[in-house]
Amino acid sequence: MKKTDKNNETVLIGRVGSPVGIKGEVRITLYAQDSTNLKEGKVLLLERAGKTINAAIRKLRYQKDRPVVKLEGVDDRNVAEEIRGMDVSIYASDLEELPEGEHYVRDLIGCRVIDTTDGREVGILSDVIQNTAQSILEVRTAEGKSVLIPAVDAFLRGIDEEAGIIEVERSPGFLD
C-alpha cells in the first residue's frame, strides 16, 4: 500500500508488461488472478523511482487471459516501452466490491489469528503468500516467529473482517 498524499491511499495491483503492437497497447501483469479492478475509464497510477503518471484506461481486452490495455497518453510503441516495468496502482476508493466471503489481502493484514481448538491466539496475520497450489497465511507470533498456515478448508475455519479475527483449526503438532 502506498500513499500519494494524505487523502488518496493507493493499492498496488500489478506491473506494466510488454507492448502489444504499434499503437501503444501494453500487457498488465496483475498480482490478483481474478481481479475485476481493470475497467475502461478507470485511472491507473503508474509508478517508478518516484515518478508517477496518472492514465485512464481507454480500451481493455484480453489476450490469452491476460489484460491488454490502451492507456490515455500512450499512443505508440515507443511510449509503451518507456512505461514497461512500472508498478500499477489504483486508488483504494476505486477497488471493486468483492462477492460475499471474499476479502482483499490488504484488509486482512493485522487480523488476529485464533486457534479454534483451544481459543488461543496464534498471532497476527503479517502476509498472504500467493502460491500456485493455494494461498498461505503468514502469521507472526508474540515470540516473533513466523508460522505458515495453508489457506484451505482443512485449516481455515472463518474470517470475521469486521472483528479483525481469522479462525484456524490446528492439527495435533501443527503449531507446536
C-alpha atoms as a PDB file:
ATOM      1  CA  MET A   1       0.000   0.000   0.000  1.00  0.00           C
ATOM      2  CA  LYS A   2       1.289   3.453  -0.835  1.00  0.00           C
ATOM      3  CA  LYS A   3       0.132   6.972  -0.196  1.00  0.00           C
ATOM      4  CA  THR A   4       0.185   9.610  -2.887  1.00  0.00           C
ATOM      5  CA  ASP A   5      -0.962  12.217  -0.362  1.00  0.00           C
ATOM      6  CA  LYS A   6      -2.873  12.250   2.904  1.00  0.00           C
ATOM      7  CA  ASN A   7      -6.293  11.669   1.316  1.00  0.00           C
ATOM      8  CA  ASN A   8      -5.516   9.369  -1.614  1.00  0.00           C
ATOM      9  CA  GLU A   9      -4.466   5.909  -0.458  1.00  0.00           C
ATOM     10  CA  THR A  10      -3.359   3.692  -3.325  1.00  0.00           C
ATOM     11  CA  VAL A  11      -3.176  -0.077  -3.745  1.00  0.00           C
ATOM     12  CA  LEU A  12      -0.553  -1.855  -5.828  1.00  0.00           C
ATOM     13  CA  ILE A  13      -2.341  -4.224  -8.240  1.00  0.00           C
ATOM     14  CA  GLY A  14       0.273  -5.160 -10.842  1.00  0.00           C
ATOM     15  CA  ARG A  15       3.032  -4.174 -13.216  1.00  0.00           C
ATOM     16  CA  VAL A  16       3.167  -2.929 -16.814  1.00  0.00           C
ATOM     17  CA  GLY A  17       4.411  -5.662 -19.121  1.00  0.00           C
ATOM     18  CA  SER A  18       5.480  -5.713 -22.730  1.00  0.00           C
ATOM     19  CA  PRO A  19       3.990  -3.605 -25.522  1.00  0.00           C
ATOM     20  CA  VAL A  20       1.484  -5.222 -27.869  1.00  0.00           C
ATOM     21  CA  GLY A  21       1.524  -3.971 -31.443  1.00  0.00           C
ATOM     22  CA  ILE A  22       2.489  -0.466 -32.547  1.00  0.00           C
ATOM     23  CA  LYS A  23      -0.407   1.645 -31.224  1.00  0.00           C
ATOM     24  CA  GLY A  24       0.688   1.822 -27.570  1.00  0.00           C
ATOM     25  CA  GLU A  25      -1.156  -1.104 -26.010  1.00  0.00           C
ATOM     26  CA  VAL A  26       0.581  -2.895 -23.107  1.00  0.00           C
ATOM     27  CA  ARG A  27       0.102  -6.111 -21.200  1.00  0.00           C
ATOM     28  CA  ILE A  28      -0.625  -5.764 -17.492  1.00  0.00           C
ATOM     29  CA  THR A  29       0.544  -8.450 -15.080  1.00  0.00           C
ATOM     30  CA  LEU A  30      -1.947  -8.451 -12.212  1.00  0.00           C
ATOM     31  CA  TYR A  31      -0.988  -9.633  -8.729  1.00  0.00           C
ATOM     32  CA  ALA A  32      -4.514 -10.971  -8.100  1.00  0.00           C
ATOM     33  CA  GLN A  33      -5.590 -13.580 -10.608  1.00  0.00           C
ATOM     34  CA  ASP A  34      -9.305 -12.770 -10.746  1.00  0.00           C
ATOM     35  CA  SER A  35      -9.117  -9.015 -10.408  1.00  0.00           C
ATOM     36  CA  THR A  36     -12.079  -7.049 -11.717  1.00  0.00           C
ATOM     37  CA  ASN A  37     -10.354  -3.754 -10.973  1.00  0.00           C
ATOM     38  CA  LEU A  38      -9.395  -3.036 -14.577  1.00  0.00           C
ATOM     39  CA  LYS A  39     -12.210  -1.292 -16.431  1.00  0.00           C
ATOM     40  CA  GLU A  40     -12.407   1.231 -19.230  1.00  0.00           C
ATOM     41  CA  GLY A  41     -12.302   4.749 -17.786  1.00  0.00           C
ATOM     42  CA  LYS A  42     -10.587   3.728 -14.525  1.00  0.00           C
ATOM     43  CA  VAL A  43      -7.488   5.763 -13.657  1.00  0.00           C
ATOM     44  CA  LEU A  44      -4.286   3.792 -13.115  1.00  0.00           C
ATOM     45  CA  LEU A  45      -1.244   5.203 -11.340  1.00  0.00           C
ATOM     46  CA  LEU A  46       1.979   4.105 -12.999  1.00  0.00           C
ATOM     47  CA  GLU A  47       4.997   4.454 -10.700  1.00  0.00           C
ATOM     48  CA  ARG A  48       8.755   4.009 -10.878  1.00  0.00           C
ATOM     49  CA  ALA A  49      11.590   5.692  -8.960  1.00  0.00           C
ATOM     50  CA  GLY A  50       9.444   8.453  -7.508  1.00  0.00           C
ATOM     51  CA  LYS A  51       7.793   9.265 -10.841  1.00  0.00           C
ATOM     52  CA  THR A  52       4.004   8.816 -11.021  1.00  0.00           C
ATOM     53  CA  ILE A  53       1.853   9.000 -14.137  1.00  0.00           C
ATOM     54  CA  ASN A  54      -1.947   9.007 -13.954  1.00  0.00           C
ATOM     55  CA  ALA A  55      -3.540   7.414 -17.018  1.00  0.00           C
ATOM     56  CA  ALA A  56      -7.110   6.344 -17.678  1.00  0.00           C
ATOM     57  CA  ILE A  57      -7.830   3.058 -19.419  1.00  0.00           C
ATOM     58  CA  ARG A  58      -9.194   3.888 -22.888  1.00  0.00           C
ATOM     59  CA  LYS A  59      -9.584   0.290 -24.046  1.00  0.00           C
ATOM     60  CA  LEU A  60      -9.340  -3.104 -22.338  1.00  0.00           C
ATOM     61  CA  ARG A  61      -9.155  -6.521 -23.936  1.00  0.00           C
ATOM     62  CA  TYR A  62      -7.739  -9.905 -23.023  1.00  0.00           C
ATOM     63  CA  GLN A  63      -5.129 -11.928 -24.881  1.00  0.00           C
ATOM     64  CA  LYS A  64      -4.588 -15.473 -23.576  1.00  0.00           C
ATOM     65  CA  ASP A  65      -6.410 -14.497 -20.356  1.00  0.00           C
ATOM     66  CA  ARG A  66      -4.022 -11.588 -19.728  1.00  0.00           C
ATOM     67  CA  PRO A  67      -5.243  -7.990 -19.810  1.00  0.00           C
ATOM     68  CA  VAL A  68      -4.031  -5.733 -22.601  1.00  0.00           C
ATOM     69  CA  VAL A  69      -4.802  -2.053 -22.121  1.00  0.00           C
ATOM     70  CA  LYS A  70      -4.674   1.090 -24.181  1.00  0.00           C
ATOM     71  CA  LEU A  71      -3.883   3.963 -21.839  1.00  0.00           C
ATOM     72  CA  GLU A  72      -4.582   7.641 -22.273  1.00  0.00           C
ATOM     73  CA  GLY A  73      -1.389   9.351 -23.490  1.00  0.00           C
ATOM     74  CA  VAL A  74       0.311   6.125 -24.614  1.00  0.00           C
ATOM     75  CA  ASP A  75      -0.157   6.305 -28.364  1.00  0.00           C
ATOM     76  CA  ASP A  76       2.762   4.367 -29.838  1.00  0.00           C
ATOM     77  CA  ARG A  77       5.134   1.510 -29.136  1.00  0.00           C
ATOM     78  CA  ASN A  78       7.974   3.833 -28.066  1.00  0.00           C
ATOM     79  CA  VAL A  79       5.916   5.333 -25.222  1.00  0.00           C
ATOM     80  CA  ALA A  80       4.675   1.840 -24.321  1.00  0.00           C
ATOM     81  CA  GLU A  81       8.315   0.718 -23.983  1.00  0.00           C
ATOM     82  CA  GLU A  82       9.023   3.694 -21.686  1.00  0.00           C
ATOM     83  CA  ILE A  83       6.334   2.618 -19.187  1.00  0.00           C
ATOM     84  CA  ARG A  84       7.277  -1.077 -19.311  1.00  0.00           C
ATOM     85  CA  GLY A  85       8.076  -2.381 -15.825  1.00  0.00           C
ATOM     86  CA  MET A  86       6.259   0.409 -13.976  1.00  0.00           C
ATOM     87  CA  ASP A  87       4.171  -0.534 -10.937  1.00  0.00           C
ATOM     88  CA  VAL A  88       0.410  -0.239 -11.452  1.00  0.00           C
ATOM     89  CA  SER A  89      -1.716   1.059  -8.577  1.00  0.00           C
ATOM     90  CA  ILE A  90      -5.272   2.298  -8.210  1.00  0.00           C
ATOM     91  CA  TYR A  91      -6.927   4.465  -5.613  1.00  0.00           C
ATOM     92  CA  ALA A  92      -8.274   2.371  -2.725  1.00  0.00           C
ATOM     93  CA  SER A  93     -11.618   4.123  -3.174  1.00  0.00           C
ATOM     94  CA  ASP A  94     -11.774   2.634  -6.708  1.00  0.00           C
ATOM     95  CA  LEU A  95     -11.447  -1.007  -5.570  1.00  0.00           C
ATOM     96  CA  GLU A  96     -14.359  -3.116  -6.756  1.00  0.00           C
ATOM     97  CA  GLU A  97     -16.702  -4.637  -4.175  1.00  0.00           C
ATOM     98  CA  LEU A  98     -15.964  -8.319  -3.643  1.00  0.00           C
ATOM     99  CA  PRO A  99     -18.560 -11.083  -3.516  1.00  0.00           C
ATOM    100  CA  GLU A 100     -19.670 -12.375  -0.112  1.00  0.00           C
ATOM    101  CA  GLY A 101     -16.929 -14.431   1.549  1.00  0.00           C
ATOM    102  CA  GLU A 102     -14.050 -12.919  -0.434  1.00  0.00           C
ATOM    103  CA  HIS A 103     -11.563 -10.444   1.021  1.00  0.00           C
ATOM    104  CA  TYR A 104      -8.794  -8.163  -0.119  1.00  0.00           C
ATOM    105  CA  VAL A 105      -5.484  -9.202   1.447  1.00  0.00           C
ATOM    106  CA  ARG A 106      -4.861  -5.589   2.474  1.00  0.00           C
ATOM    107  CA  ASP A 107      -7.966  -5.750   4.681  1.00  0.00           C
ATOM    108  CA  LEU A 108      -6.808  -8.934   6.436  1.00  0.00           C
ATOM    109  CA  ILE A 109      -3.238  -7.915   7.294  1.00  0.00           C
ATOM    110  CA  GLY A 110      -3.124  -7.211  11.019  1.00  0.00           C
ATOM    111  CA  CYS A 111      -6.040  -9.511  11.907  1.00  0.00           C
ATOM    112  CA  ARG A 112      -5.667 -11.703  14.986  1.00  0.00           C
ATOM    113  CA  VAL A 113      -5.397 -15.415  14.136  1.00  0.00           C
ATOM    114  CA  ILE A 114      -7.196 -17.614  16.687  1.00  0.00           C
ATOM    115  CA  ASP A 115      -6.953 -21.417  17.012  1.00  0.00           C
ATOM    116  CA  THR A 116     -10.498 -22.777  17.397  1.00  0.00           C
ATOM    117  CA  THR A 117      -9.311 -25.994  19.101  1.00  0.00           C
ATOM    118  CA  ASP A 118      -8.315 -24.166  22.307  1.00  0.00           C
ATOM    119  CA  GLY A 119      -9.200 -20.494  21.695  1.00  0.00           C
ATOM    120  CA  ARG A 120      -5.610 -19.298  21.962  1.00  0.00           C
ATOM    121  CA  GLU A 121      -4.205 -16.570  19.767  1.00  0.00           C
ATOM    122  CA  VAL A 122      -1.669 -17.911  17.275  1.00  0.00           C
ATOM    123  CA  GLY A 123      -0.521 -14.413  16.301  1.00  0.00           C
ATOM    124  CA  ILE A 124      -1.157 -11.581  13.864  1.00  0.00           C
ATOM    125  CA  LEU A 125      -1.529 -12.056  10.104  1.00  0.00           C
ATOM    126  CA  SER A 126       1.513 -10.385   8.537  1.00  0.00           C
ATOM    127  CA  ASP A 127       1.202 -11.523   4.912  1.00  0.00           C
ATOM    128  CA  VAL A 128      -0.608 -13.796   2.492  1.00  0.00           C
ATOM    129  CA  ILE A 129       1.752 -15.658   0.211  1.00  0.00           C
ATOM    130  CA  GLN A 130       0.269 -16.438  -3.193  1.00  0.00           C
ATOM    131  CA  ASN A 131       1.321 -19.976  -4.045  1.00  0.00           C
ATOM    132  CA  THR A 132       0.458 -21.941  -7.163  1.00  0.00           C
ATOM    133  CA  ALA A 133      -1.351 -24.622  -5.144  1.00  0.00           C
ATOM    134  CA  GLN A 134      -3.070 -22.367  -2.570  1.00  0.00           C
ATOM    135  CA  SER A 135      -2.548 -19.180  -0.637  1.00  0.00           C
ATOM    136  CA  ILE A 136      -0.575 -19.398   2.600  1.00  0.00           C
ATOM    137  CA  LEU A 137      -1.214 -17.255   5.668  1.00  0.00           C
ATOM    138  CA  GLU A 138       1.953 -15.935   7.268  1.00  0.00           C
ATOM    139  CA  VAL A 139       1.299 -15.337  10.950  1.00  0.00           C
ATOM    140  CA  ARG A 140       3.726 -13.549  13.291  1.00  0.00           C
ATOM    141  CA  THR A 141       3.567 -14.967  16.844  1.00  0.00           C
ATOM    142  CA  ALA A 142       4.045 -12.965  20.045  1.00  0.00           C
ATOM    143  CA  GLU A 143       7.537 -14.501  20.235  1.00  0.00           C
ATOM    144  CA  GLY A 144       8.353 -13.127  16.779  1.00  0.00           C
ATOM    145  CA  LYS A 145       8.247 -16.479  14.991  1.00  0.00           C
ATOM    146  CA  SER A 146       6.688 -16.863  11.575  1.00  0.00           C
ATOM    147  CA  VAL A 147       4.015 -19.573  11.251  1.00  0.00           C
ATOM    148  CA  LEU A 148       2.757 -20.601   7.808  1.00  0.00           C
ATOM    149  CA  ILE A 149      -0.814 -21.890   7.545  1.00  0.00           C
ATOM    150  CA  PRO A 150      -2.319 -23.086   4.253  1.00  0.00           C
ATOM    151  CA  ALA A 151      -5.496 -21.125   3.477  1.00  0.00           C
ATOM    152  CA  VAL A 152      -7.528 -24.267   2.756  1.00  0.00           C
ATOM    153  CA  ASP A 153     -10.723 -25.624   4.310  1.00  0.00           C
ATOM    154  CA  ALA A 154      -8.772 -28.183   6.376  1.00  0.00           C
ATOM    155  CA  PHE A 155      -7.203 -25.342   8.428  1.00  0.00           C
ATOM    156  CA  LEU A 156      -9.093 -22.116   7.734  1.00  0.00           C
ATOM    157  CA  ARG A 157     -12.384 -22.053   9.644  1.00  0.00           C
ATOM    158  CA  GLY A 158     -13.592 -18.497   9.258  1.00  0.00           C
ATOM    159  CA  ILE A 159     -12.807 -14.841   8.666  1.00  0.00           C
ATOM    160  CA  ASP A 160     -14.569 -12.028  10.503  1.00  0.00           C
ATOM    161  CA  GLU A 161     -13.089  -8.985   8.812  1.00  0.00           C
ATOM    162  CA  GLU A 162     -15.097  -6.507  10.895  1.00  0.00           C
ATOM    163  CA  ALA A 163     -13.914  -8.058  14.178  1.00  0.00           C
ATOM    164  CA  GLY A 164     -10.389  -8.481  12.810  1.00  0.00           C
ATOM    165  CA  ILE A 165     -10.298 -12.220  13.506  1.00  0.00           C
ATOM    166  CA  ILE A 166      -9.240 -15.174  11.386  1.00  0.00           C
ATOM    167  CA  GLU A 167     -10.106 -18.594  12.824  1.00  0.00           C
ATOM    168  CA  VAL A 168      -7.918 -21.605  12.098  1.00  0.00           C
ATOM    169  CA  GLU A 169      -8.026 -25.171  13.352  1.00  0.00           C
ATOM    170  CA  ARG A 170      -4.722 -26.786  14.009  1.00  0.00           C
ATOM    171  CA  SER A 171      -3.939 -30.426  13.623  1.00  0.00           C
ATOM    172  CA  PRO A 172      -2.028 -32.057  16.501  1.00  0.00           C
ATOM    173  CA  GLY A 173       1.559 -30.792  16.403  1.00  0.00           C
ATOM    174  CA  PHE A 174       0.835 -28.326  13.578  1.00  0.00           C
ATOM    175  CA  LEU A 175       1.624 -25.153  15.514  1.00  0.00           C
ATOM    176  CA  ASP A 176       3.761 -26.647  18.286  1.00  0.00           C
END
